[in-house]
Amino acid sequence: MDREAKVMRRRWIVRVVSLALFIGLIVFVTVLVFPYVNDMKSASGREKIKEMFERFDTFWSILLFIVIQAVQVIIAVIPPIQIVGGMMFGWLFGALFSFAGIMLGTFVIFMLVRFLGRPLVEAFVDSKHLERFKFLHDEEKLIRVLIILYIIPGVPKDVLSYIVPLTKVDKRDFFMFVMPFRLPAVIMSTVLGQSIMTGSYVLAFVMVGIFIILAVIGFIFREKIIESFRSRKHHTKE
């Protein structure tokens, strides 16, 4: 066996072991946080989580919240916790801490996918999503397309976090120009969380109404927009 073959074999072993360890860690964390998943679905459960955070010093509660938010990005089955962020820290700081966690989780995914490659993505992303967003691999105006996808309500942002590193996108451009477009949805969630805590139920109902309207708009138009990108790329190739 020549030197190059040995190097390739070692890389393959390292990647397989790293992938196994990462999946094992995700399974462990999922089992660990699963009791809180059901709590997120009810007001009393969210209040219980808030009380858990309040037992910690302010710094540690913020750090714990950011880490949990990062885990939520990595494990998409966990419900979004931005609402709890608004309940705990107010809409502004809740949004900032949530966004910090989203950036951290996305960065971890980005670097792991760049290191481990497609096998990691296939372990966490359904094949239909891989096929659905395959056009991103050949997209020339990738940053512009990603910004549009991140704006559209209903597009699975956490799924995109796994798929984007497989493309030719520059890491700096992605985090500087695309990720900030997750902030509007985060802010809406933290405003809702704060309004629930302060008893501003009119504002809470308004925010829920806006969520529903945006969700309906996203549901109606997201497939058409994605299909238009795919069709455009197909015509360009022809």
C-alpha atoms as a PDB file:
ATOM      1  CA  MET A   1       0.000   0.000   0.000  1.00  0.00           C
ATOM      2  CA  ASP A   2       1.573   3.330  -1.069  1.00  0.00           C
ATOM      3  CA  ARG A   3       1.785   6.401   1.170  1.00  0.00           C
ATOM      4  CA  GLU A   4      -1.143   8.235  -0.441  1.00  0.00           C
ATOM      5  CA  ALA A   5      -3.432   5.220   0.003  1.00  0.00           C
ATOM      6  CA  LYS A   6      -2.451   4.973   3.671  1.00  0.00           C
ATOM      7  CA  VAL A   7      -3.205   8.671   4.205  1.00  0.00           C
ATOM      8  CA  MET A   8      -6.610   8.287   2.532  1.00  0.00           C
ATOM      9  CA  ARG A   9      -7.351   5.205   4.657  1.00  0.00           C
ATOM     10  CA  ARG A  10      -6.448   7.075   7.854  1.00  0.00           C
ATOM     11  CA  ARG A  11      -8.657  10.001   6.844  1.00  0.00           C
ATOM     12  CA  TRP A  12     -11.531   7.637   6.156  1.00  0.00           C
ATOM     13  CA  ILE A  13     -11.101   5.964   9.570  1.00  0.00           C
ATOM     14  CA  VAL A  14     -10.919   9.335  11.349  1.00  0.00           C
ATOM     15  CA  ARG A  15     -14.065  10.547   9.605  1.00  0.00           C
ATOM     16  CA  VAL A  16     -16.003   7.356  10.339  1.00  0.00           C
ATOM     17  CA  VAL A  17     -14.995   7.450  14.016  1.00  0.00           C
ATOM     18  CA  SER A  18     -15.771  11.185  14.237  1.00  0.00           C
ATOM     19  CA  LEU A  19     -19.158  10.634  12.615  1.00  0.00           C
ATOM     20  CA  ALA A  20     -19.959   7.782  15.031  1.00  0.00           C
ATOM     21  CA  LEU A  21     -18.921   9.872  18.029  1.00  0.00           C
ATOM     22  CA  PHE A  22     -20.944  12.854  16.840  1.00  0.00           C
ATOM     23  CA  ILE A  23     -24.076  10.779  16.243  1.00  0.00           C
ATOM     24  CA  GLY A  24     -23.588   9.149  19.656  1.00  0.00           C
ATOM     25  CA  LEU A  25     -23.299  12.583  21.274  1.00  0.00           C
ATOM     26  CA  ILE A  26     -26.453  13.782  19.518  1.00  0.00           C
ATOM     27  CA  VAL A  27     -28.367  10.695  20.671  1.00  0.00           C
ATOM     28  CA  PHE A  28     -27.142  11.265  24.246  1.00  0.00           C
ATOM     29  CA  VAL A  29     -28.114  14.949  24.212  1.00  0.00           C
ATOM     30  CA  THR A  30     -31.501  14.136  22.666  1.00  0.00           C
ATOM     31  CA  VAL A  31     -32.258  11.647  25.455  1.00  0.00           C
ATOM     32  CA  LEU A  32     -31.031  14.184  28.005  1.00  0.00           C
ATOM     33  CA  VAL A  33     -33.198  17.075  26.815  1.00  0.00           C
ATOM     34  CA  PHE A  34     -36.236  15.075  25.713  1.00  0.00           C
ATOM     35  CA  PRO A  35     -38.092  15.612  29.036  1.00  0.00           C
ATOM     36  CA  TYR A  36     -38.021  19.349  28.311  1.00  0.00           C
ATOM     37  CA  VAL A  37     -39.450  18.913  24.815  1.00  0.00           C
ATOM     38  CA  ASN A  38     -42.964  18.229  26.110  1.00  0.00           C
ATOM     39  CA  ASP A  39     -42.593  21.075  28.602  1.00  0.00           C
ATOM     40  CA  MET A  40     -42.057  23.484  25.703  1.00  0.00           C
ATOM     41  CA  LYS A  41     -45.529  22.675  24.379  1.00  0.00           C
ATOM     42  CA  SER A  42     -47.458  24.204  27.290  1.00  0.00           C
ATOM     43  CA  ALA A  43     -47.414  27.505  29.174  1.00  0.00           C
ATOM     44  CA  SER A  44     -46.879  25.725  32.500  1.00  0.00           C
ATOM     45  CA  GLY A  45     -43.996  23.762  31.035  1.00  0.00           C
ATOM     46  CA  ARG A  46     -42.334  26.911  29.700  1.00  0.00           C
ATOM     47  CA  GLU A  47     -42.741  28.493  33.125  1.00  0.00           C
ATOM     48  CA  LYS A  48     -41.028  25.461  34.680  1.00  0.00           C
ATOM     49  CA  ILE A  49     -38.102  25.826  32.289  1.00  0.00           C
ATOM     50  CA  LYS A  50     -37.904  29.541  33.136  1.00  0.00           C
ATOM     51  CA  GLU A  51     -37.743  28.693  36.850  1.00  0.00           C
ATOM     52  CA  MET A  52     -34.941  26.210  36.133  1.00  0.00           C
ATOM     53  CA  PHE A  53     -32.899  28.931  34.451  1.00  0.00           C
ATOM     54  CA  GLU A  54     -33.548  31.359  37.318  1.00  0.00           C
ATOM     55  CA  ARG A  55     -31.821  28.990  39.751  1.00  0.00           C
ATOM     56  CA  PHE A  56     -28.521  29.782  38.040  1.00  0.00           C
ATOM     57  CA  ASP A  57     -26.434  32.923  38.273  1.00  0.00           C
ATOM     58  CA  THR A  58     -27.242  35.390  35.454  1.00  0.00           C
ATOM     59  CA  PHE A  59     -24.057  34.596  33.519  1.00  0.00           C
ATOM     60  CA  TRP A  60     -24.563  30.831  33.725  1.00  0.00           C
ATOM     61  CA  SER A  61     -28.250  31.083  32.833  1.00  0.00           C
ATOM     62  CA  ILE A  62     -27.338  33.085  29.723  1.00  0.00           C
ATOM     63  CA  LEU A  63     -24.598  30.608  28.809  1.00  0.00           C
ATOM     64  CA  LEU A  64     -26.933  27.641  29.371  1.00  0.00           C
ATOM     65  CA  PHE A  65     -29.619  29.270  27.233  1.00  0.00           C
ATOM     66  CA  ILE A  66     -27.177  29.929  24.372  1.00  0.00           C
ATOM     67  CA  VAL A  67     -25.931  26.315  24.504  1.00  0.00           C
ATOM     68  CA  ILE A  68     -29.497  24.936  24.490  1.00  0.00           C
ATOM     69  CA  GLN A  69     -30.332  27.199  21.538  1.00  0.00           C
ATOM     70  CA  ALA A  70     -27.250  25.880  19.718  1.00  0.00           C
ATOM     71  CA  VAL A  71     -28.334  22.303  20.416  1.00  0.00           C
ATOM     72  CA  GLN A  72     -31.795  23.167  19.072  1.00  0.00           C
ATOM     73  CA  VAL A  73     -30.171  24.083  15.741  1.00  0.00           C
ATOM     74  CA  ILE A  74     -28.179  20.827  15.663  1.00  0.00           C
ATOM     75  CA  ILE A  75     -31.128  18.666  16.771  1.00  0.00           C
ATOM     76  CA  ALA A  76     -34.046  20.034  14.812  1.00  0.00           C
ATOM     77  CA  VAL A  77     -36.574  17.867  16.711  1.00  0.00           C
ATOM     78  CA  ILE A  78     -36.303  20.179  19.733  1.00  0.00           C
ATOM     79  CA  PRO A  79     -38.961  22.939  19.591  1.00  0.00           C
ATOM     80  CA  PRO A  80     -37.661  26.507  19.128  1.00  0.00           C
ATOM     81  CA  ILE A  81     -36.826  28.084  22.476  1.00  0.00           C
ATOM     82  CA  GLN A  82     -36.782  31.746  21.384  1.00  0.00           C
ATOM     83  CA  ILE A  83     -40.139  32.244  23.119  1.00  0.00           C
ATOM     84  CA  VAL A  84     -38.534  31.200  26.422  1.00  0.00           C
ATOM     85  CA  GLY A  85     -35.707  33.651  25.670  1.00  0.00           C
ATOM     86  CA  GLY A  86     -38.248  36.467  25.401  1.00  0.00           C
ATOM     87  CA  MET A  87     -39.890  35.342  28.641  1.00  0.00           C
ATOM     88  CA  MET A  88     -36.582  35.262  30.517  1.00  0.00           C
ATOM     89  CA  PHE A  89     -34.541  38.137  29.117  1.00  0.00           C
ATOM     90  CA  GLY A  90     -37.028  40.389  27.314  1.00  0.00           C
ATOM     91  CA  TRP A  91     -37.425  40.624  23.555  1.00  0.00           C
ATOM     92  CA  LEU A  92     -34.134  42.424  22.815  1.00  0.00           C
ATOM     93  CA  PHE A  93     -31.676  40.406  24.905  1.00  0.00           C
ATOM     94  CA  GLY A  94     -33.687  37.247  24.295  1.00  0.00           C
ATOM     95  CA  ALA A  95     -33.241  37.806  20.562  1.00  0.00           C
ATOM     96  CA  LEU A  96     -29.519  38.522  20.927  1.00  0.00           C
ATOM     97  CA  PHE A  97     -28.897  35.423  23.059  1.00  0.00           C
ATOM     98  CA  SER A  98     -31.031  33.253  20.770  1.00  0.00           C
ATOM     99  CA  PHE A  99     -29.194  34.527  17.704  1.00  0.00           C
ATOM    100  CA  ALA A 100     -25.851  33.863  19.412  1.00  0.00           C
ATOM    101  CA  GLY A 101     -26.953  30.261  20.018  1.00  0.00           C
ATOM    102  CA  ILE A 102     -28.173  29.899  16.434  1.00  0.00           C
ATOM    103  CA  MET A 103     -24.844  31.198  15.130  1.00  0.00           C
ATOM    104  CA  LEU A 104     -22.928  28.821  17.418  1.00  0.00           C
ATOM    105  CA  GLY A 105     -24.987  25.777  16.444  1.00  0.00           C
ATOM    106  CA  THR A 106     -24.795  26.619  12.744  1.00  0.00           C
ATOM    107  CA  PHE A 107     -21.031  27.147  12.965  1.00  0.00           C
ATOM    108  CA  VAL A 108     -20.573  23.736  14.621  1.00  0.00           C
ATOM    109  CA  ILE A 109     -22.634  22.086  11.870  1.00  0.00           C
ATOM    110  CA  PHE A 110     -20.798  24.000   9.146  1.00  0.00           C
ATOM    111  CA  MET A 111     -17.338  22.963  10.338  1.00  0.00           C
ATOM    112  CA  LEU A 112     -18.342  19.337  10.965  1.00  0.00           C
ATOM    113  CA  VAL A 113     -19.943  18.989   7.524  1.00  0.00           C
ATOM    114  CA  ARG A 114     -16.888  20.534   5.883  1.00  0.00           C
ATOM    115  CA  PHE A 115     -14.745  17.959   7.735  1.00  0.00           C
ATOM    116  CA  LEU A 116     -16.925  14.853   7.611  1.00  0.00           C
ATOM    117  CA  GLY A 117     -18.672  15.535   4.314  1.00  0.00           C
ATOM    118  CA  ARG A 118     -21.912  14.163   2.922  1.00  0.00           C
ATOM    119  CA  PRO A 119     -22.185  11.107   5.249  1.00  0.00           C
ATOM    120  CA  LEU A 120     -22.908  13.423   8.190  1.00  0.00           C
ATOM    121  CA  VAL A 121     -25.596  15.249   6.220  1.00  0.00           C
ATOM    122  CA  GLU A 122     -27.203  12.004   5.097  1.00  0.00           C
ATOM    123  CA  ALA A 123     -27.320  10.878   8.733  1.00  0.00           C
ATOM    124  CA  PHE A 124     -29.456  13.870   9.759  1.00  0.00           C
ATOM    125  CA  VAL A 125     -31.219  15.082   6.606  1.00  0.00           C
ATOM    126  CA  ASP A 126     -33.912  13.213   4.721  1.00  0.00           C
ATOM    127  CA  SER A 127     -32.983  12.298   1.147  1.00  0.00           C
ATOM    128  CA  LYS A 128     -35.980  14.239  -0.197  1.00  0.00           C
ATOM    129  CA  HIS A 129     -34.500  17.455   1.235  1.00  0.00           C
ATOM    130  CA  LEU A 130     -31.123  16.661  -0.304  1.00  0.00           C
ATOM    131  CA  GLU A 131     -32.794  16.229  -3.687  1.00  0.00           C
ATOM    132  CA  ARG A 132     -35.005  19.280  -3.187  1.00  0.00           C
ATOM    133  CA  PHE A 133     -32.069  21.631  -2.583  1.00  0.00           C
ATOM    134  CA  LYS A 134     -29.618  19.976  -4.964  1.00  0.00           C
ATOM    135  CA  PHE A 135     -29.741  23.042  -7.213  1.00  0.00           C
ATOM    136  CA  LEU A 136     -27.730  24.961  -4.589  1.00  0.00           C
ATOM    137  CA  HIS A 137     -24.580  23.030  -5.532  1.00  0.00           C
ATOM    138  CA  ASP A 138     -24.456  24.666  -8.974  1.00  0.00           C
ATOM    139  CA  GLU A 139     -26.058  28.003  -8.121  1.00  0.00           C
ATOM    140  CA  GLU A 140     -23.863  30.933  -9.223  1.00  0.00           C
ATOM    141  CA  LYS A 141     -25.625  33.654  -7.203  1.00  0.00           C
ATOM    142  CA  LEU A 142     -25.654  31.455  -4.132  1.00  0.00           C
ATOM    143  CA  ILE A 143     -25.632  34.144  -1.429  1.00  0.00           C
ATOM    144  CA  ARG A 144     -28.603  35.943  -2.989  1.00  0.00           C
ATOM    145  CA  VAL A 145     -30.570  32.696  -3.299  1.00  0.00           C
ATOM    146  CA  LEU A 146     -29.778  31.694   0.287  1.00  0.00           C
ATOM    147  CA  ILE A 147     -30.928  35.086   1.587  1.00  0.00           C
ATOM    148  CA  ILE A 148     -34.269  34.604  -0.192  1.00  0.00           C
ATOM    149  CA  LEU A 149     -34.622  31.068   1.204  1.00  0.00           C
ATOM    150  CA  TYR A 150     -33.863  32.250   4.736  1.00  0.00           C
ATOM    151  CA  ILE A 151     -36.466  35.008   4.452  1.00  0.00           C
ATOM    152  CA  ILE A 152     -39.271  32.724   3.251  1.00  0.00           C
ATOM    153  CA  PRO A 153     -41.370  31.412   6.173  1.00  0.00           C
ATOM    154  CA  GLY A 154     -41.662  27.644   6.284  1.00  0.00           C
ATOM    155  CA  VAL A 155     -38.370  26.825   4.571  1.00  0.00           C
ATOM    156  CA  PRO A 156     -36.538  24.411   6.921  1.00  0.00           C
ATOM    157  CA  LYS A 157     -33.636  26.606   8.059  1.00  0.00           C
ATOM    158  CA  ASP A 158     -32.068  23.895  10.232  1.00  0.00           C
ATOM    159  CA  VAL A 159     -32.048  21.522   7.246  1.00  0.00           C
ATOM    160  CA  LEU A 160     -30.333  24.207   5.166  1.00  0.00           C
ATOM    161  CA  SER A 161     -27.692  24.505   7.892  1.00  0.00           C
ATOM    162  CA  TYR A 162     -26.597  20.953   7.020  1.00  0.00           C
ATOM    163  CA  ILE A 163     -26.894  21.315   3.239  1.00  0.00           C
ATOM    164  CA  VAL A 164     -25.204  24.712   2.759  1.00  0.00           C
ATOM    165  CA  PRO A 165     -21.702  23.533   3.842  1.00  0.00           C
ATOM    166  CA  LEU A 166     -21.796  20.996   0.997  1.00  0.00           C
ATOM    167  CA  THR A 167     -22.006  23.861  -1.498  1.00  0.00           C
ATOM    168  CA  LYS A 168     -19.260  26.213  -2.663  1.00  0.00           C
ATOM    169  CA  VAL A 169     -20.448  29.010  -0.365  1.00  0.00           C
ATOM    170  CA  ASP A 170     -17.720  30.932   1.429  1.00  0.00           C
ATOM    171  CA  LYS A 171     -17.958  30.541   5.216  1.00  0.00           C
ATOM    172  CA  ARG A 172     -17.412  34.240   5.908  1.00  0.00           C
ATOM    173  CA  ASP A 173     -19.999  35.361   3.348  1.00  0.00           C
ATOM    174  CA  PHE A 174     -22.568  32.903   4.690  1.00  0.00           C
ATOM    175  CA  PHE A 175     -22.270  34.028   8.302  1.00  0.00           C
ATOM    176  CA  MET A 176     -21.937  37.734   7.489  1.00  0.00           C
ATOM    177  CA  PHE A 177     -24.605  38.150   4.816  1.00  0.00           C
ATOM    178  CA  VAL A 178     -27.060  35.240   5.125  1.00  0.00           C
ATOM    179  CA  MET A 179     -27.392  34.366   8.807  1.00  0.00           C
ATOM    180  CA  PRO A 180     -28.540  37.880   9.892  1.00  0.00           C
ATOM    181  CA  PHE A 181     -31.745  37.224   7.946  1.00  0.00           C
ATOM    182  CA  ARG A 182     -32.769  34.767  10.673  1.00  0.00           C
ATOM    183  CA  LEU A 183     -33.088  37.680  13.108  1.00  0.00           C
ATOM    184  CA  PRO A 184     -36.602  38.911  12.126  1.00  0.00           C
ATOM    185  CA  ALA A 185     -38.222  35.550  12.965  1.00  0.00           C
ATOM    186  CA  VAL A 186     -36.199  35.333  16.189  1.00  0.00           C
ATOM    187  CA  ILE A 187     -37.310  38.817  17.244  1.00  0.00           C
ATOM    188  CA  MET A 188     -40.952  37.981  16.560  1.00  0.00           C
ATOM    189  CA  SER A 189     -40.642  34.913  18.802  1.00  0.00           C
ATOM    190  CA  THR A 190     -38.981  36.825  21.655  1.00  0.00           C
ATOM    191  CA  VAL A 191     -41.578  39.604  21.436  1.00  0.00           C
ATOM    192  CA  LEU A 192     -44.238  36.919  21.779  1.00  0.00           C
ATOM    193  CA  GLY A 193     -42.433  35.440  24.797  1.00  0.00           C
ATOM    194  CA  GLN A 194     -42.125  38.816  26.524  1.00  0.00           C
ATOM    195  CA  SER A 195     -45.769  39.691  25.861  1.00  0.00           C
ATOM    196  CA  ILE A 196     -46.851  36.395  27.447  1.00  0.00           C
ATOM    197  CA  MET A 197     -44.788  37.117  30.564  1.00  0.00           C
ATOM    198  CA  THR A 198     -46.020  40.714  30.913  1.00  0.00           C
ATOM    199  CA  GLY A 199     -49.635  39.767  30.328  1.00  0.00           C
ATOM    200  CA  SER A 200     -49.845  41.762  27.095  1.00  0.00           C
ATOM    201  CA  TYR A 201     -52.206  39.242  25.575  1.00  0.00           C
ATOM    202  CA  VAL A 202     -53.397  41.589  22.840  1.00  0.00           C
ATOM    203  CA  LEU A 203     -49.825  41.854  21.572  1.00  0.00           C
ATOM    204  CA  ALA A 204     -49.431  38.081  21.971  1.00  0.00           C
ATOM    205  CA  PHE A 205     -52.536  37.466  19.866  1.00  0.00           C
ATOM    206  CA  VAL A 206     -51.278  39.948  17.265  1.00  0.00           C
ATOM    207  CA  MET A 207     -47.917  38.162  17.078  1.00  0.00           C
ATOM    208  CA  VAL A 208     -49.606  34.762  16.793  1.00  0.00           C
ATOM    209  CA  GLY A 209     -51.785  36.192  14.027  1.00  0.00           C
ATOM    210  CA  ILE A 210     -48.703  37.468  12.181  1.00  0.00           C
ATOM    211  CA  PHE A 211     -47.044  34.067  12.613  1.00  0.00           C
ATOM    212  CA  ILE A 212     -50.091  32.347  11.119  1.00  0.00           C
ATOM    213  CA  ILE A 213     -50.295  34.765   8.173  1.00  0.00           C
ATOM    214  CA  LEU A 214     -46.584  34.383   7.396  1.00  0.00           C
ATOM    215  CA  ALA A 215     -46.834  30.611   7.761  1.00  0.00           C
ATOM    216  CA  VAL A 216     -49.730  30.510   5.285  1.00  0.00           C
ATOM    217  CA  ILE A 217     -47.850  32.756   2.841  1.00  0.00           C
ATOM    218  CA  GLY A 218     -44.766  30.579   3.190  1.00  0.00           C
ATOM    219  CA  PHE A 219     -46.798  27.413   2.709  1.00  0.00           C
ATOM    220  CA  ILE A 220     -48.406  28.800  -0.467  1.00  0.00           C
ATOM    221  CA  PHE A 221     -45.337  30.271  -2.150  1.00  0.00           C
ATOM    222  CA  ARG A 222     -42.249  28.472  -0.827  1.00  0.00           C
ATOM    223  CA  GLU A 223     -42.517  25.493  -3.185  1.00  0.00           C
ATOM    224  CA  LYS A 224     -43.126  27.777  -6.163  1.00  0.00           C
ATOM    225  CA  ILE A 225     -40.059  29.860  -5.323  1.00  0.00           C
ATOM    226  CA  ILE A 226     -37.844  26.815  -4.755  1.00  0.00           C
ATOM    227  CA  GLU A 227     -39.135  25.233  -7.961  1.00  0.00           C
ATOM    228  CA  SER A 228     -38.400  28.459  -9.862  1.00  0.00           C
ATOM    229  CA  PHE A 229     -34.771  28.280  -8.691  1.00  0.00           C
ATOM    230  CA  ARG A 230     -34.545  24.639  -9.730  1.00  0.00           C
ATOM    231  CA  SER A 231     -36.144  25.312 -13.133  1.00  0.00           C
ATOM    232  CA  ARG A 232     -33.869  28.276 -13.773  1.00  0.00           C
ATOM    233  CA  LYS A 233     -30.796  26.164 -13.038  1.00  0.00           C
ATOM    234  CA  HIS A 234     -32.094  23.397 -15.316  1.00  0.00           C
ATOM    235  CA  HIS A 235     -32.624  25.864 -18.197  1.00  0.00           C
ATOM    236  CA  THR A 236     -29.194  27.396 -17.595  1.00  0.00           C
ATOM    237  CA  LYS A 237     -27.548  23.971 -17.924  1.00  0.00           C
ATOM    238  CA  GLU A 238     -29.437  23.320 -21.171  1.00  0.00           C
END
